[in-house]
PDB file of N, CA and C in Angstrom:
ATOM      1  N   UNK A   1     -48.394  13.036  67.283  1.00  0.00           N
ATOM      2  CA  UNK A   1     -49.729  12.520  67.548  1.00  0.00           C
ATOM      3  C   UNK A   1     -50.522  12.476  66.240  1.00  0.00           C
ATOM      4  N   UNK A   2     -51.154  11.363  65.963  1.00  0.00           N
ATOM      5  CA  UNK A   2     -51.980  11.150  64.789  1.00  0.00           C
ATOM      6  C   UNK A   2     -53.345  11.819  65.012  1.00  0.00           C
ATOM      7  N   UNK A   3     -53.897  12.416  63.971  1.00  0.00           N
ATOM      8  CA  UNK A   3     -55.206  13.064  64.075  1.00  0.00           C
ATOM      9  C   UNK A   3     -56.298  12.075  64.466  1.00  0.00           C
ATOM     10  N   UNK A   4     -56.066  10.781  64.216  1.00  0.00           N
ATOM     11  CA  UNK A   4     -57.056   9.756  64.549  1.00  0.00           C
ATOM     12  C   UNK A   4     -56.896   9.191  65.953  1.00  0.00           C
ATOM     13  N   UNK A   5     -55.844   9.586  66.655  1.00  0.00           N
ATOM     14  CA  UNK A   5     -55.642   9.076  68.012  1.00  0.00           C
ATOM     15  C   UNK A   5     -56.824   9.458  68.885  1.00  0.00           C
ATOM     16  N   UNK A   6     -57.074   8.645  69.912  1.00  0.00           N
ATOM     17  CA  UNK A   6     -58.274   8.811  70.731  1.00  0.00           C
ATOM     18  C   UNK A   6     -57.938   9.320  72.129  1.00  0.00           C
ATOM     19  N   UNK A   7     -58.670  10.344  72.567  1.00  0.00           N
ATOM     20  CA  UNK A   7     -58.566  10.865  73.927  1.00  0.00           C
ATOM     21  C   UNK A   7     -59.887  10.584  74.628  1.00  0.00           C
ATOM     22  N   UNK A   8     -59.823   9.864  75.746  1.00  0.00           N
ATOM     23  CA  UNK A   8     -61.006   9.365  76.431  1.00  0.00           C
ATOM     24  C   UNK A   8     -61.078   9.947  77.839  1.00  0.00           C
ATOM     25  N   UNK A   9     -62.226  10.509  78.191  1.00  0.00           N
ATOM     26  CA  UNK A   9     -62.442  11.016  79.543  1.00  0.00           C
ATOM     27  C   UNK A   9     -62.996   9.873  80.393  1.00  0.00           C
ATOM     28  N   UNK A  10     -62.241   9.450  81.406  1.00  0.00           N
ATOM     29  CA  UNK A  10     -62.623   8.298  82.229  1.00  0.00           C
ATOM     30  C   UNK A  10     -63.913   8.523  83.000  1.00  0.00           C
ATOM     31  N   UNK A  11     -64.257   9.775  83.254  1.00  0.00           N
ATOM     32  CA  UNK A  11     -65.492  10.058  83.978  1.00  0.00           C
ATOM     33  C   UNK A  11     -66.714   9.821  83.086  1.00  0.00           C
ATOM     34  N   UNK A  12     -66.567  10.023  81.801  1.00  0.00           N
ATOM     35  CA  UNK A  12     -67.681   9.873  80.863  1.00  0.00           C
ATOM     36  C   UNK A  12     -67.907   8.442  80.401  1.00  0.00           C
ATOM     37  N   UNK A  13     -66.850   7.629  80.371  1.00  0.00           N
ATOM     38  CA  UNK A  13     -66.956   6.282  79.805  1.00  0.00           C
ATOM     39  C   UNK A  13     -66.363   5.231  80.730  1.00  0.00           C
ATOM     40  N   UNK A  14     -67.147   4.204  81.043  1.00  0.00           N
ATOM     41  CA  UNK A  14     -66.614   2.988  81.671  1.00  0.00           C
ATOM     42  C   UNK A  14     -66.117   2.067  80.556  1.00  0.00           C
ATOM     43  N   UNK A  15     -66.894   2.025  79.456  1.00  0.00           N
ATOM     44  CA  UNK A  15     -66.500   1.307  78.249  1.00  0.00           C
ATOM     45  C   UNK A  15     -66.557   2.280  77.085  1.00  0.00           C
ATOM     46  N   UNK A  16     -65.450   2.390  76.368  1.00  0.00           N
ATOM     47  CA  UNK A  16     -65.354   3.275  75.213  1.00  0.00           C
ATOM     48  C   UNK A  16     -65.304   2.412  73.962  1.00  0.00           C
ATOM     49  N   UNK A  17     -66.214   2.662  73.013  1.00  0.00           N
ATOM     50  CA  UNK A  17     -66.246   1.900  71.761  1.00  0.00           C
ATOM     51  C   UNK A  17     -65.537   2.682  70.669  1.00  0.00           C
ATOM     52  N   UNK A  18     -64.679   1.983  69.930  1.00  0.00           N
ATOM     53  CA  UNK A  18     -63.926   2.631  68.858  1.00  0.00           C
ATOM     54  C   UNK A  18     -63.807   1.689  67.673  1.00  0.00           C
ATOM     55  N   UNK A  19     -63.538   2.279  66.516  1.00  0.00           N
ATOM     56  CA  UNK A  19     -63.319   1.500  65.300  1.00  0.00           C
ATOM     57  C   UNK A  19     -62.065   2.025  64.629  1.00  0.00           C
ATOM     58  N   UNK A  20     -61.282   1.105  64.084  1.00  0.00           N
ATOM     59  CA  UNK A  20     -60.104   1.489  63.312  1.00  0.00           C
ATOM     60  C   UNK A  20     -59.829   0.411  62.286  1.00  0.00           C
ATOM     61  N   UNK A  21     -59.025   0.748  61.274  1.00  0.00           N
ATOM     62  CA  UNK A  21     -58.717  -0.226  60.221  1.00  0.00           C
ATOM     63  C   UNK A  21     -57.546  -1.109  60.635  1.00  0.00           C
ATOM     64  N   UNK A  22     -57.411  -2.228  59.963  1.00  0.00           N
ATOM     65  CA  UNK A  22     -56.408  -3.226  60.331  1.00  0.00           C
ATOM     66  C   UNK A  22     -54.976  -2.742  60.177  1.00  0.00           C
ATOM     67  N   UNK A  23     -54.730  -1.740  59.354  1.00  0.00           N
ATOM     68  CA  UNK A  23     -53.358  -1.272  59.177  1.00  0.00           C
ATOM     69  C   UNK A  23     -53.024  -0.095  60.093  1.00  0.00           C
ATOM     70  N   UNK A  24     -53.924   0.270  61.000  1.00  0.00           N
ATOM     71  CA  UNK A  24     -53.614   1.380  61.894  1.00  0.00           C
ATOM     72  C   UNK A  24     -53.237   0.905  63.281  1.00  0.00           C
ATOM     73  N   UNK A  25     -52.339   1.644  63.861  1.00  0.00           N
ATOM     74  CA  UNK A  25     -51.968   1.470  65.259  1.00  0.00           C
ATOM     75  C   UNK A  25     -52.192   2.840  65.891  1.00  0.00           C
ATOM     76  N   UNK A  26     -53.281   2.959  66.627  1.00  0.00           N
ATOM     77  CA  UNK A  26     -53.663   4.268  67.166  1.00  0.00           C
ATOM     78  C   UNK A  26     -53.369   4.365  68.652  1.00  0.00           C
ATOM     79  N   UNK A  27     -53.024   5.565  69.064  1.00  0.00           N
ATOM     80  CA  UNK A  27     -52.726   5.861  70.451  1.00  0.00           C
ATOM     81  C   UNK A  27     -54.022   6.204  71.186  1.00  0.00           C
ATOM     82  N   UNK A  28     -54.260   5.519  72.288  1.00  0.00           N
ATOM     83  CA  UNK A  28     -55.430   5.778  73.125  1.00  0.00           C
ATOM     84  C   UNK A  28     -54.949   6.360  74.451  1.00  0.00           C
ATOM     85  N   UNK A  29     -55.490   7.513  74.815  1.00  0.00           N
ATOM     86  CA  UNK A  29     -55.149   8.176  76.066  1.00  0.00           C
ATOM     87  C   UNK A  29     -56.406   8.250  76.922  1.00  0.00           C
ATOM     88  N   UNK A  30     -56.359   7.626  78.092  1.00  0.00           N
ATOM     89  CA  UNK A  30     -57.484   7.693  79.029  1.00  0.00           C
ATOM     90  C   UNK A  30     -57.113   8.711  80.101  1.00  0.00           C
ATOM     91  N   UNK A  31     -57.924   9.756  80.196  1.00  0.00           N
ATOM     92  CA  UNK A  31     -57.675  10.822  81.160  1.00  0.00           C
ATOM     93  C   UNK A  31     -58.527  10.578  82.407  1.00  0.00           C
ATOM     94  N   UNK A  32     -57.866  10.266  83.515  1.00  0.00           N
ATOM     95  CA  UNK A  32     -58.539   9.970  84.775  1.00  0.00           C
ATOM     96  C   UNK A  32     -58.624  11.187  85.697  1.00  0.00           C
ATOM     97  N   UNK A  33     -58.154  12.354  85.275  1.00  0.00           N
ATOM     98  CA  UNK A  33     -58.053  13.533  86.140  1.00  0.00           C
ATOM     99  C   UNK A  33     -59.360  13.856  86.860  1.00  0.00           C
ATOM    100  N   UNK A  34     -60.484  13.784  86.152  1.00  0.00           N
ATOM    101  CA  UNK A  34     -61.763  14.138  86.766  1.00  0.00           C
ATOM    102  C   UNK A  34     -62.201  13.140  87.833  1.00  0.00           C
ATOM    103  N   UNK A  35     -61.701  11.919  87.783  1.00  0.00           N
ATOM    104  CA  UNK A  35     -61.998  10.920  88.819  1.00  0.00           C
ATOM    105  C   UNK A  35     -61.052  11.028  90.012  1.00  0.00           C
ATOM    106  N   UNK A  36     -59.841  11.481  89.756  1.00  0.00           N
ATOM    107  CA  UNK A  36     -58.798  11.420  90.769  1.00  0.00           C
ATOM    108  C   UNK A  36     -58.812  12.557  91.784  1.00  0.00           C
ATOM    109  N   UNK A  37     -59.324  13.713  91.406  1.00  0.00           N
ATOM    110  CA  UNK A  37     -59.218  14.860  92.309  1.00  0.00           C
ATOM    111  C   UNK A  37     -57.750  15.172  92.527  1.00  0.00           C
ATOM    112  N   UNK A  38     -57.312  15.150  93.781  1.00  0.00           N
ATOM    113  CA  UNK A  38     -55.901  15.429  94.072  1.00  0.00           C
ATOM    114  C   UNK A  38     -55.046  14.155  94.105  1.00  0.00           C
ATOM    115  N   UNK A  39     -55.666  12.997  93.940  1.00  0.00           N
ATOM    116  CA  UNK A  39     -54.938  11.727  93.906  1.00  0.00           C
ATOM    117  C   UNK A  39     -54.186  11.620  92.572  1.00  0.00           C
ATOM    118  N   UNK A  40     -53.250  10.691  92.467  1.00  0.00           N
ATOM    119  CA  UNK A  40     -52.469  10.510  91.245  1.00  0.00           C
ATOM    120  C   UNK A  40     -52.353   9.022  90.902  1.00  0.00           C
ATOM    121  N   UNK A  41     -52.079   8.737  89.630  1.00  0.00           N
ATOM    122  CA  UNK A  41     -51.880   7.361  89.187  1.00  0.00           C
ATOM    123  C   UNK A  41     -50.510   6.884  89.652  1.00  0.00           C
ATOM    124  N   UNK A  42     -50.517   5.748  90.342  1.00  0.00           N
ATOM    125  CA  UNK A  42     -49.270   5.135  90.775  1.00  0.00           C
ATOM    126  C   UNK A  42     -48.818   4.068  89.775  1.00  0.00           C
ATOM    127  N   UNK A  43     -49.764   3.201  89.350  1.00  0.00           N
ATOM    128  CA  UNK A  43     -49.457   2.179  88.346  1.00  0.00           C
ATOM    129  C   UNK A  43     -50.587   2.094  87.325  1.00  0.00           C
ATOM    130  N   UNK A  44     -50.231   1.675  86.127  1.00  0.00           N
ATOM    131  CA  UNK A  44     -51.197   1.489  85.043  1.00  0.00           C
ATOM    132  C   UNK A  44     -50.850   0.197  84.329  1.00  0.00           C
ATOM    133  N   UNK A  45     -51.841  -0.683  84.154  1.00  0.00           N
ATOM    134  CA  UNK A  45     -51.647  -1.952  83.453  1.00  0.00           C
ATOM    135  C   UNK A  45     -52.672  -2.071  82.330  1.00  0.00           C
ATOM    136  N   UNK A  46     -52.227  -2.581  81.200  1.00  0.00           N
ATOM    137  CA  UNK A  46     -53.104  -2.823  80.057  1.00  0.00           C
ATOM    138  C   UNK A  46     -53.152  -4.322  79.789  1.00  0.00           C
ATOM    139  N   UNK A  47     -54.333  -4.823  79.423  1.00  0.00           N
ATOM    140  CA  UNK A  47     -54.475  -6.225  79.042  1.00  0.00           C
ATOM    141  C   UNK A  47     -55.487  -6.327  77.909  1.00  0.00           C
ATOM    142  N   UNK A  48     -55.446  -7.438  77.192  1.00  0.00           N
ATOM    143  CA  UNK A  48     -56.381  -7.664  76.101  1.00  0.00           C
ATOM    144  C   UNK A  48     -55.804  -8.625  75.091  1.00  0.00           C
ATOM    145  N   UNK A  49     -56.660  -9.061  74.167  1.00  0.00           N
ATOM    146  CA  UNK A  49     -56.261 -10.049  73.167  1.00  0.00           C
ATOM    147  C   UNK A  49     -55.938  -9.378  71.830  1.00  0.00           C
ATOM    148  N   UNK A  50     -55.184  -8.290  71.886  1.00  0.00           N
ATOM    149  CA  UNK A  50     -54.747  -7.556  70.718  1.00  0.00           C
ATOM    150  C   UNK A  50     -53.341  -7.034  70.999  1.00  0.00           C
ATOM    151  N   UNK A  51     -52.734  -6.379  70.031  1.00  0.00           N
ATOM    152  CA  UNK A  51     -51.386  -5.854  70.232  1.00  0.00           C
ATOM    153  C   UNK A  51     -51.454  -4.536  70.991  1.00  0.00           C
ATOM    154  N   UNK A  52     -50.767  -4.498  72.135  1.00  0.00           N
ATOM    155  CA  UNK A  52     -50.721  -3.312  72.980  1.00  0.00           C
ATOM    156  C   UNK A  52     -49.256  -2.903  73.101  1.00  0.00           C
ATOM    157  N   UNK A  53     -48.937  -1.697  72.640  1.00  0.00           N
ATOM    158  CA  UNK A  53     -47.550  -1.239  72.677  1.00  0.00           C
ATOM    159  C   UNK A  53     -47.485   0.207  73.182  1.00  0.00           C
ATOM    160  N   UNK A  54     -46.279   0.704  73.326  1.00  0.00           N
ATOM    161  CA  UNK A  54     -46.039   2.092  73.739  1.00  0.00           C
ATOM    162  C   UNK A  54     -46.824   2.466  74.992  1.00  0.00           C
ATOM    163  N   UNK A  55     -46.871   1.559  75.951  1.00  0.00           N
ATOM    164  CA  UNK A  55     -47.619   1.805  77.189  1.00  0.00           C
ATOM    165  C   UNK A  55     -46.856   2.794  78.068  1.00  0.00           C
ATOM    166  N   UNK A  56     -47.594   3.757  78.614  1.00  0.00           N
ATOM    167  CA  UNK A  56     -47.008   4.707  79.551  1.00  0.00           C
ATOM    168  C   UNK A  56     -48.127   5.345  80.367  1.00  0.00           C
ATOM    169  N   UNK A  57     -47.741   6.124  81.353  1.00  0.00           N
ATOM    170  CA  UNK A  57     -48.730   6.888  82.097  1.00  0.00           C
ATOM    171  C   UNK A  57     -48.089   8.138  82.689  1.00  0.00           C
ATOM    172  N   UNK A  58     -48.956   9.097  82.979  1.00  0.00           N
ATOM    173  CA  UNK A  58     -48.561  10.290  83.722  1.00  0.00           C
ATOM    174  C   UNK A  58     -49.279  10.194  85.061  1.00  0.00           C
ATOM    175  N   UNK A  59     -49.314  11.250  85.799  1.00  0.00           N
ATOM    176  CA  UNK A  59     -50.025  11.224  87.082  1.00  0.00           C
ATOM    177  C   UNK A  59     -51.539  11.220  86.901  1.00  0.00           C
ATOM    178  N   UNK A  60     -52.029  11.547  85.687  1.00  0.00           N
ATOM    179  CA  UNK A  60     -53.475  11.598  85.456  1.00  0.00           C
ATOM    180  C   UNK A  60     -53.950  10.843  84.217  1.00  0.00           C
ATOM    181  N   UNK A  61     -53.027  10.335  83.388  1.00  0.00           N
ATOM    182  CA  UNK A  61     -53.440   9.647  82.164  1.00  0.00           C
ATOM    183  C   UNK A  61     -52.762   8.294  82.010  1.00  0.00           C
ATOM    184  N   UNK A  62     -53.434   7.398  81.291  1.00  0.00           N
ATOM    185  CA  UNK A  62     -52.879   6.098  80.905  1.00  0.00           C
ATOM    186  C   UNK A  62     -52.906   6.055  79.382  1.00  0.00           C
ATOM    187  N   UNK A  63     -51.799   5.619  78.785  1.00  0.00           N
ATOM    188  CA  UNK A  63     -51.631   5.716  77.339  1.00  0.00           C
ATOM    189  C   UNK A  63     -51.156   4.376  76.781  1.00  0.00           C
ATOM    190  N   UNK A  64     -51.719   3.984  75.623  1.00  0.00           N
ATOM    191  CA  UNK A  64     -51.257   2.781  74.931  1.00  0.00           C
ATOM    192  C   UNK A  64     -51.616   2.874  73.465  1.00  0.00           C
ATOM    193  N   UNK A  65     -50.816   2.211  72.638  1.00  0.00           N
ATOM    194  CA  UNK A  65     -51.091   2.111  71.211  1.00  0.00           C
ATOM    195  C   UNK A  65     -51.695   0.734  70.970  1.00  0.00           C
ATOM    196  N   UNK A  66     -52.849   0.707  70.286  1.00  0.00           N
ATOM    197  CA  UNK A  66     -53.572  -0.544  70.044  1.00  0.00           C
ATOM    198  C   UNK A  66     -53.631  -0.843  68.546  1.00  0.00           C
ATOM    199  N   UNK A  67     -53.452  -2.117  68.213  1.00  0.00           N
ATOM    200  CA  UNK A  67     -53.599  -2.566  66.828  1.00  0.00           C
ATOM    201  C   UNK A  67     -53.990  -4.040  66.829  1.00  0.00           C
ATOM    202  N   UNK A  68     -54.587  -4.478  65.708  1.00  0.00           N
ATOM    203  CA  UNK A  68     -55.034  -5.875  65.611  1.00  0.00           C
ATOM    204  C   UNK A  68     -55.465  -6.167  64.182  1.00  0.00           C
ATOM    205  N   UNK A  69     -55.660  -7.445  63.906  1.00  0.00           N
ATOM    206  CA  UNK A  69     -56.238  -7.862  62.632  1.00  0.00           C
ATOM    207  C   UNK A  69     -57.749  -7.667  62.724  1.00  0.00           C
ATOM    208  N   UNK A  70     -58.472  -7.777  61.610  1.00  0.00           N
ATOM    209  CA  UNK A  70     -59.917  -7.546  61.647  1.00  0.00           C
ATOM    210  C   UNK A  70     -60.624  -8.430  62.678  1.00  0.00           C
ATOM    211  N   UNK A  71     -61.540  -7.830  63.398  1.00  0.00           N
ATOM    212  CA  UNK A  71     -62.311  -8.520  64.429  1.00  0.00           C
ATOM    213  C   UNK A  71     -62.722  -7.562  65.525  1.00  0.00           C
ATOM    214  N   UNK A  72     -63.244  -8.119  66.594  1.00  0.00           N
ATOM    215  CA  UNK A  72     -63.676  -7.324  67.754  1.00  0.00           C
ATOM    216  C   UNK A  72     -62.819  -7.707  68.948  1.00  0.00           C
ATOM    217  N   UNK A  73     -62.384  -6.690  69.681  1.00  0.00           N
ATOM    218  CA  UNK A  73     -61.452  -6.896  70.785  1.00  0.00           C
ATOM    219  C   UNK A  73     -61.843  -6.027  71.970  1.00  0.00           C
ATOM    220  N   UNK A  74     -61.331  -6.410  73.133  1.00  0.00           N
ATOM    221  CA  UNK A  74     -61.465  -5.585  74.336  1.00  0.00           C
ATOM    222  C   UNK A  74     -60.095  -5.431  74.970  1.00  0.00           C
ATOM    223  N   UNK A  75     -59.795  -4.206  75.326  1.00  0.00           N
ATOM    224  CA  UNK A  75     -58.570  -3.920  76.057  1.00  0.00           C
ATOM    225  C   UNK A  75     -58.979  -3.257  77.365  1.00  0.00           C
ATOM    226  N   UNK A  76     -58.370  -3.693  78.456  1.00  0.00           N
ATOM    227  CA  UNK A  76     -58.696  -3.139  79.777  1.00  0.00           C
ATOM    228  C   UNK A  76     -57.484  -2.396  80.313  1.00  0.00           C
ATOM    229  N   UNK A  77     -57.738  -1.180  80.776  1.00  0.00           N
ATOM    230  CA  UNK A  77     -56.711  -0.428  81.482  1.00  0.00           C
ATOM    231  C   UNK A  77     -57.108  -0.361  82.943  1.00  0.00           C
ATOM    232  N   UNK A  78     -56.201  -0.814  83.810  1.00  0.00           N
ATOM    233  CA  UNK A  78     -56.439  -0.794  85.259  1.00  0.00           C
ATOM    234  C   UNK A  78     -55.378   0.086  85.888  1.00  0.00           C
ATOM    235  N   UNK A  79     -55.831   1.065  86.672  1.00  0.00           N
ATOM    236  CA  UNK A  79     -54.882   1.913  87.381  1.00  0.00           C
ATOM    237  C   UNK A  79     -55.056   1.733  88.883  1.00  0.00           C
ATOM    238  N   UNK A  80     -53.972   1.941  89.598  1.00  0.00           N
ATOM    239  CA  UNK A  80     -53.991   2.010  91.059  1.00  0.00           C
ATOM    240  C   UNK A  80     -53.413   3.371  91.404  1.00  0.00           C
ATOM    241  N   UNK A  81     -54.092   4.072  92.306  1.00  0.00           N
ATOM    242  CA  UNK A  81     -53.660   5.421  92.642  1.00  0.00           C
ATOM    243  C   UNK A  81     -52.722   5.411  93.855  1.00  0.00           C
ATOM    244  N   UNK A  82     -52.123   6.545  94.096  1.00  0.00           N
ATOM    245  CA  UNK A  82     -51.223   6.694  95.244  1.00  0.00           C
ATOM    246  C   UNK A  82     -51.964   6.430  96.550  1.00  0.00           C
ATOM    247  N   UNK A  83     -53.274   6.706  96.580  1.00  0.00           N
ATOM    248  CA  UNK A  83     -54.084   6.478  97.779  1.00  0.00           C
ATOM    249  C   UNK A  83     -54.621   5.051  97.860  1.00  0.00           C
ATOM    250  N   UNK A  84     -54.289   4.213  96.859  1.00  0.00           N
ATOM    251  CA  UNK A  84     -54.711   2.813  96.875  1.00  0.00           C
ATOM    252  C   UNK A  84     -56.039   2.532  96.204  1.00  0.00           C
ATOM    253  N   UNK A  85     -56.652   3.526  95.575  1.00  0.00           N
ATOM    254  CA  UNK A  85     -57.908   3.312  94.844  1.00  0.00           C
ATOM    255  C   UNK A  85     -57.606   2.613  93.516  1.00  0.00           C
ATOM    256  N   UNK A  86     -58.538   1.780  93.054  1.00  0.00           N
ATOM    257  CA  UNK A  86     -58.384   1.075  91.792  1.00  0.00           C
ATOM    258  C   UNK A  86     -59.517   1.465  90.852  1.00  0.00           C
ATOM    259  N   UNK A  87     -59.172   1.764  89.614  1.00  0.00           N
ATOM    260  CA  UNK A  87     -60.149   2.081  88.572  1.00  0.00           C
ATOM    261  C   UNK A  87     -59.780   1.284  87.332  1.00  0.00           C
ATOM    262  N   UNK A  88     -60.792   0.914  86.547  1.00  0.00           N
ATOM    263  CA  UNK A  88     -60.512   0.311  85.254  1.00  0.00           C
ATOM    264  C   UNK A  88     -61.457   0.864  84.209  1.00  0.00           C
ATOM    265  N   UNK A  89     -60.964   0.891  83.001  1.00  0.00           N
ATOM    266  CA  UNK A  89     -61.736   1.336  81.850  1.00  0.00           C
ATOM    267  C   UNK A  89     -61.492   0.355  80.718  1.00  0.00           C
ATOM    268  N   UNK A  90     -62.535   0.132  79.911  1.00  0.00           N
ATOM    269  CA  UNK A  90     -62.487  -0.834  78.819  1.00  0.00           C
ATOM    270  C   UNK A  90     -62.582  -0.103  77.488  1.00  0.00           C
ATOM    271  N   UNK A  91     -61.735  -0.510  76.557  1.00  0.00           N
ATOM    272  CA  UNK A  91     -61.851  -0.040  75.180  1.00  0.00           C
ATOM    273  C   UNK A  91     -62.342  -1.219  74.361  1.00  0.00           C
ATOM    274  N   UNK A  92     -63.534  -1.085  73.801  1.00  0.00           N
ATOM    275  CA  UNK A  92     -64.123  -2.105  72.937  1.00  0.00           C
ATOM    276  C   UNK A  92     -63.792  -1.689  71.504  1.00  0.00           C
ATOM    277  N   UNK A  93     -62.942  -2.467  70.856  1.00  0.00           N
ATOM    278  CA  UNK A  93     -62.379  -2.067  69.568  1.00  0.00           C
ATOM    279  C   UNK A  93     -62.865  -2.972  68.440  1.00  0.00           C
ATOM    280  N   UNK A  94     -63.391  -2.349  67.400  1.00  0.00           N
ATOM    281  CA  UNK A  94     -63.793  -3.069  66.191  1.00  0.00           C
ATOM    282  C   UNK A  94     -62.773  -2.711  65.123  1.00  0.00           C
ATOM    283  N   UNK A  95     -62.003  -3.702  64.690  1.00  0.00           N
ATOM    284  CA  UNK A  95     -60.991  -3.492  63.662  1.00  0.00           C
ATOM    285  C   UNK A  95     -61.551  -3.992  62.340  1.00  0.00           C
ATOM    286  N   UNK A  96     -61.558  -3.114  61.342  1.00  0.00           N
ATOM    287  CA  UNK A  96     -62.141  -3.441  60.044  1.00  0.00           C
ATOM    288  C   UNK A  96     -61.049  -3.753  59.027  1.00  0.00           C
ATOM    289  N   UNK A  97     -61.430  -4.443  57.980  1.00  0.00           N
ATOM    290  CA  UNK A  97     -60.512  -4.745  56.881  1.00  0.00           C
ATOM    291  C   UNK A  97     -60.180  -3.464  56.123  1.00  0.00           C
ATOM    292  N   UNK A  98     -59.042  -3.461  55.472  1.00  0.00           N
ATOM    293  CA  UNK A  98     -58.646  -2.303  54.669  1.00  0.00           C
ATOM    294  C   UNK A  98     -59.410  -2.225  53.357  1.00  0.00           C
ATOM    295  N   UNK A  99     -59.946  -3.340  52.889  1.00  0.00           N
ATOM    296  CA  UNK A  99     -60.658  -3.394  51.617  1.00  0.00           C
ATOM    297  C   UNK A  99     -61.985  -2.671  51.753  1.00  0.00           C
ATOM    298  N   UNK A 100     -62.061  -1.474  51.212  1.00  0.00           N
ATOM    299  CA  UNK A 100     -63.278  -0.670  51.332  1.00  0.00           C
ATOM    300  C   UNK A 100     -64.389  -1.121  50.396  1.00  0.00           C
ATOM    301  N   UNK A 101     -64.119  -2.104  49.527  1.00  0.00           N
ATOM    302  CA  UNK A 101     -65.153  -2.577  48.617  1.00  0.00           C
ATOM    303  C   UNK A 101     -66.048  -3.640  49.261  1.00  0.00           C
ATOM    304  N   UNK A 102     -65.748  -4.022  50.473  1.00  0.00           N
ATOM    305  CA  UNK A 102     -66.570  -5.028  51.150  1.00  0.00           C
ATOM    306  C   UNK A 102     -67.952  -4.490  51.455  1.00  0.00           C
ATOM    307  N   UNK A 103     -68.930  -5.362  51.428  1.00  0.00           N
ATOM    308  CA  UNK A 103     -70.271  -4.962  51.797  1.00  0.00           C
ATOM    309  C   UNK A 103     -70.534  -5.350  53.248  1.00  0.00           C
ATOM    310  N   UNK A 104     -71.523  -4.718  53.858  1.00  0.00           N
ATOM    311  CA  UNK A 104     -71.870  -5.025  55.230  1.00  0.00           C
ATOM    312  C   UNK A 104     -72.186  -6.493  55.361  1.00  0.00           C
ATOM    313  N   UNK A 105     -71.631  -7.140  56.377  1.00  0.00           N
ATOM    314  CA  UNK A 105     -71.868  -8.546  56.604  1.00  0.00           C
ATOM    315  C   UNK A 105     -70.746  -9.445  56.124  1.00  0.00           C
ATOM    316  N   UNK A 106     -69.747  -8.875  55.429  1.00  0.00           N
ATOM    317  CA  UNK A 106     -68.629  -9.684  54.954  1.00  0.00           C
ATOM    318  C   UNK A 106     -67.659 -10.078  56.058  1.00  0.00           C
ATOM    319  N   UNK A 107     -67.762  -9.447  57.177  1.00  0.00           N
ATOM    320  CA  UNK A 107     -66.850  -9.754  58.288  1.00  0.00           C
ATOM    321  C   UNK A 107     -67.613  -9.696  59.594  1.00  0.00           C
ATOM    322  N   UNK A 108     -67.058 -10.336  60.610  1.00  0.00           N
ATOM    323  CA  UNK A 108     -67.676 -10.321  61.912  1.00  0.00           C
ATOM    324  C   UNK A 108     -67.148  -9.186  62.721  1.00  0.00           C
TER     325      UNK A 108
END
């Protein structure tokens, strides 16, 4: 696990905002345990206009590695529980250029 990987509590965030550089592929773990009670995750799906890899889930978490070129992206994780409940969480991702000499406003 990378020190920069993100752990997200689904009860605290409907939309989680994050920033990472263009050369990073970070693991995002959404923990749904506090929403689920005794229910469990049956399926987990990820979607978005960025690279989504290493997708997996446990009975209480949904996990994916996200990466992209510089820009702003949204990734949606949708879970369905064993009891048939559906939840989704959004990761709003701002990917920055690796060139640290850029000034504010050089990129969108």
